[in-house]
Amino acid sequence: MDSALTYRSYWQALGWLLVAAVVYFSLTPAPPEIDLNQGDKFGHLAAYASLMAWWRPMARDGYRLALLFVLMGLALEILQSFTGYRQGDIFDMAANTAGVGLGWLWSAR
């Protein structure tokens, strides 16, 4: 087996763990808090920037990947509205989207 493929599998597995962590922390009743005014926005920005920067080098189509992460952020914010213990926030959606853009720039080839 080609070692590049083996390492790619590890990178993808870690990437899926990052995706799972973002989903979990988006829907958990008690997400970690950042002790700053609007600190959760920094958390959203960092999470989506990390996702985009991690996955983009492995993606065939960076534009499609960016769109998927933006849609994931929107969907999770909407799902929060249905939990009864979290609420969706348009500014969180904006921070998610900005994070995708930042991750795109961070991982530019």
C-alpha atoms as a PDB file:
ATOM      1  CA  MET A   1       0.000   0.000   0.000  1.00  0.00           C
ATOM      2  CA  ASP A   2       1.217   3.462  -0.864  1.00  0.00           C
ATOM      3  CA  SER A   3       2.302   5.333   2.273  1.00  0.00           C
ATOM      4  CA  ALA A   4       0.770   8.583   0.938  1.00  0.00           C
ATOM      5  CA  LEU A   5      -2.622   6.871   0.840  1.00  0.00           C
ATOM      6  CA  THR A   6      -2.142   5.560   4.364  1.00  0.00           C
ATOM      7  CA  TYR A   7      -1.336   9.006   5.695  1.00  0.00           C
ATOM      8  CA  ARG A   8      -4.221  10.496   3.738  1.00  0.00           C
ATOM      9  CA  SER A   9      -6.535   8.055   5.511  1.00  0.00           C
ATOM     10  CA  TYR A  10      -5.223   9.212   8.890  1.00  0.00           C
ATOM     11  CA  TRP A  11      -5.631  12.868   7.928  1.00  0.00           C
ATOM     12  CA  GLN A  12      -9.181  12.203   6.768  1.00  0.00           C
ATOM     13  CA  ALA A  13     -10.020  10.317   9.957  1.00  0.00           C
ATOM     14  CA  LEU A  14      -8.762  13.223  12.057  1.00  0.00           C
ATOM     15  CA  GLY A  15     -10.730  15.597   9.834  1.00  0.00           C
ATOM     16  CA  TRP A  16     -13.934  13.644  10.441  1.00  0.00           C
ATOM     17  CA  LEU A  17     -13.230  13.836  14.178  1.00  0.00           C
ATOM     18  CA  LEU A  18     -13.022  17.629  13.809  1.00  0.00           C
ATOM     19  CA  VAL A  19     -16.354  17.661  11.992  1.00  0.00           C
ATOM     20  CA  ALA A  20     -17.896  15.472  14.711  1.00  0.00           C
ATOM     21  CA  ALA A  21     -16.516  17.779  17.411  1.00  0.00           C
ATOM     22  CA  VAL A  22     -18.041  20.845  15.729  1.00  0.00           C
ATOM     23  CA  VAL A  23     -21.410  19.085  15.458  1.00  0.00           C
ATOM     24  CA  TYR A  24     -21.229  17.940  19.087  1.00  0.00           C
ATOM     25  CA  PHE A  25     -20.257  21.338  20.490  1.00  0.00           C
ATOM     26  CA  SER A  26     -22.914  23.004  18.328  1.00  0.00           C
ATOM     27  CA  LEU A  27     -25.691  20.854  19.747  1.00  0.00           C
ATOM     28  CA  THR A  28     -24.567  20.080  23.303  1.00  0.00           C
ATOM     29  CA  PRO A  29     -26.513  21.781  26.104  1.00  0.00           C
ATOM     30  CA  ALA A  30     -23.323  23.111  27.734  1.00  0.00           C
ATOM     31  CA  PRO A  31     -20.714  24.132  25.144  1.00  0.00           C
ATOM     32  CA  PRO A  32     -17.345  25.458  26.320  1.00  0.00           C
ATOM     33  CA  GLU A  33     -17.373  29.170  27.047  1.00  0.00           C
ATOM     34  CA  ILE A  34     -14.737  31.683  26.028  1.00  0.00           C
ATOM     35  CA  ASP A  35     -14.370  34.327  28.708  1.00  0.00           C
ATOM     36  CA  LEU A  36     -14.614  37.326  26.378  1.00  0.00           C
ATOM     37  CA  ASN A  37     -17.428  39.587  25.281  1.00  0.00           C
ATOM     38  CA  GLN A  38     -19.012  37.679  22.371  1.00  0.00           C
ATOM     39  CA  GLY A  39     -16.343  34.998  22.897  1.00  0.00           C
ATOM     40  CA  ASP A  40     -18.523  32.352  21.318  1.00  0.00           C
ATOM     41  CA  LYS A  41     -18.116  34.166  17.989  1.00  0.00           C
ATOM     42  CA  PHE A  42     -14.356  33.588  18.209  1.00  0.00           C
ATOM     43  CA  GLY A  43     -15.088  29.922  18.865  1.00  0.00           C
ATOM     44  CA  HIS A  44     -17.279  29.718  15.769  1.00  0.00           C
ATOM     45  CA  LEU A  45     -14.679  31.530  13.673  1.00  0.00           C
ATOM     46  CA  ALA A  46     -11.858  29.254  14.876  1.00  0.00           C
ATOM     47  CA  ALA A  47     -13.867  26.055  14.474  1.00  0.00           C
ATOM     48  CA  TYR A  48     -14.885  26.699  10.872  1.00  0.00           C
ATOM     49  CA  ALA A  49     -11.484  28.120   9.921  1.00  0.00           C
ATOM     50  CA  SER A  50      -9.911  24.930  11.274  1.00  0.00           C
ATOM     51  CA  LEU A  51     -12.316  22.722   9.357  1.00  0.00           C
ATOM     52  CA  MET A  52     -11.736  24.523   6.082  1.00  0.00           C
ATOM     53  CA  ALA A  53      -7.957  24.704   6.513  1.00  0.00           C
ATOM     54  CA  TRP A  54      -7.819  21.000   7.410  1.00  0.00           C
ATOM     55  CA  TRP A  55      -9.955  19.705   4.567  1.00  0.00           C
ATOM     56  CA  ARG A  56      -9.096  22.061   1.709  1.00  0.00           C
ATOM     57  CA  PRO A  57      -5.699  20.527   0.833  1.00  0.00           C
ATOM     58  CA  MET A  58      -7.432  17.144   0.428  1.00  0.00           C
ATOM     59  CA  ALA A  59     -10.407  18.474  -1.547  1.00  0.00           C
ATOM     60  CA  ARG A  60     -10.786  18.259  -5.299  1.00  0.00           C
ATOM     61  CA  ASP A  61     -13.073  21.284  -5.347  1.00  0.00           C
ATOM     62  CA  GLY A  62     -12.414  23.897  -2.682  1.00  0.00           C
ATOM     63  CA  TYR A  63     -15.472  25.934  -3.667  1.00  0.00           C
ATOM     64  CA  ARG A  64     -17.814  23.003  -3.119  1.00  0.00           C
ATOM     65  CA  LEU A  65     -16.125  22.220   0.201  1.00  0.00           C
ATOM     66  CA  ALA A  66     -16.537  25.836   1.333  1.00  0.00           C
ATOM     67  CA  LEU A  67     -20.207  25.775   0.371  1.00  0.00           C
ATOM     68  CA  LEU A  68     -20.719  22.528   2.304  1.00  0.00           C
ATOM     69  CA  PHE A  69     -19.140  23.966   5.449  1.00  0.00           C
ATOM     70  CA  VAL A  70     -21.198  27.156   5.168  1.00  0.00           C
ATOM     71  CA  LEU A  71     -24.354  25.057   4.776  1.00  0.00           C
ATOM     72  CA  MET A  72     -23.304  22.864   7.698  1.00  0.00           C
ATOM     73  CA  GLY A  73     -22.952  25.972   9.872  1.00  0.00           C
ATOM     74  CA  LEU A  74     -26.354  27.244   8.798  1.00  0.00           C
ATOM     75  CA  ALA A  75     -27.980  23.859   9.399  1.00  0.00           C
ATOM     76  CA  LEU A  76     -26.468  23.508  12.875  1.00  0.00           C
ATOM     77  CA  GLU A  77     -27.664  26.963  13.864  1.00  0.00           C
ATOM     78  CA  ILE A  78     -31.168  26.084  12.674  1.00  0.00           C
ATOM     79  CA  LEU A  79     -31.029  22.763  14.548  1.00  0.00           C
ATOM     80  CA  GLN A  80     -30.061  24.637  17.718  1.00  0.00           C
ATOM     81  CA  SER A  81     -33.388  26.455  17.473  1.00  0.00           C
ATOM     82  CA  PHE A  82     -35.214  23.131  17.768  1.00  0.00           C
ATOM     83  CA  THR A  83     -33.308  21.799  20.791  1.00  0.00           C
ATOM     84  CA  GLY A  84     -35.154  23.751  23.468  1.00  0.00           C
ATOM     85  CA  TYR A  85     -31.883  24.456  25.309  1.00  0.00           C
ATOM     86  CA  ARG A  86     -29.948  26.334  22.599  1.00  0.00           C
ATOM     87  CA  GLN A  87     -30.921  29.040  20.169  1.00  0.00           C
ATOM     88  CA  GLY A  88     -29.711  29.740  16.681  1.00  0.00           C
ATOM     89  CA  ASP A  89     -28.008  33.059  16.089  1.00  0.00           C
ATOM     90  CA  ILE A  90     -27.542  34.859  12.781  1.00  0.00           C
ATOM     91  CA  PHE A  91     -24.276  36.326  14.066  1.00  0.00           C
ATOM     92  CA  ASP A  92     -23.016  32.797  14.772  1.00  0.00           C
ATOM     93  CA  MET A  93     -23.903  31.952  11.172  1.00  0.00           C
ATOM     94  CA  ALA A  94     -21.863  34.950  10.047  1.00  0.00           C
ATOM     95  CA  ALA A  95     -18.915  33.896  12.238  1.00  0.00           C
ATOM     96  CA  ASN A  96     -19.106  30.365  10.801  1.00  0.00           C
ATOM     97  CA  THR A  97     -19.062  31.721   7.259  1.00  0.00           C
ATOM     98  CA  ALA A  98     -16.211  34.124   8.021  1.00  0.00           C
ATOM     99  CA  GLY A  99     -14.313  31.189   9.520  1.00  0.00           C
ATOM    100  CA  VAL A 100     -14.704  29.233   6.295  1.00  0.00           C
ATOM    101  CA  GLY A 101     -13.271  32.214   4.397  1.00  0.00           C
ATOM    102  CA  LEU A 102     -10.399  32.574   6.855  1.00  0.00           C
ATOM    103  CA  GLY A 103      -9.645  28.850   6.601  1.00  0.00           C
ATOM    104  CA  TRP A 104      -9.655  29.163   2.814  1.00  0.00           C
ATOM    105  CA  LEU A 105      -7.053  31.930   2.973  1.00  0.00           C
ATOM    106  CA  TRP A 106      -5.034  30.111   5.632  1.00  0.00           C
ATOM    107  CA  SER A 107      -4.782  26.978   3.497  1.00  0.00           C
ATOM    108  CA  ALA A 108      -4.175  28.709   0.154  1.00  0.00           C
ATOM    109  CA  ARG A 109      -1.777  26.739  -1.965  1.00  0.00           C
END
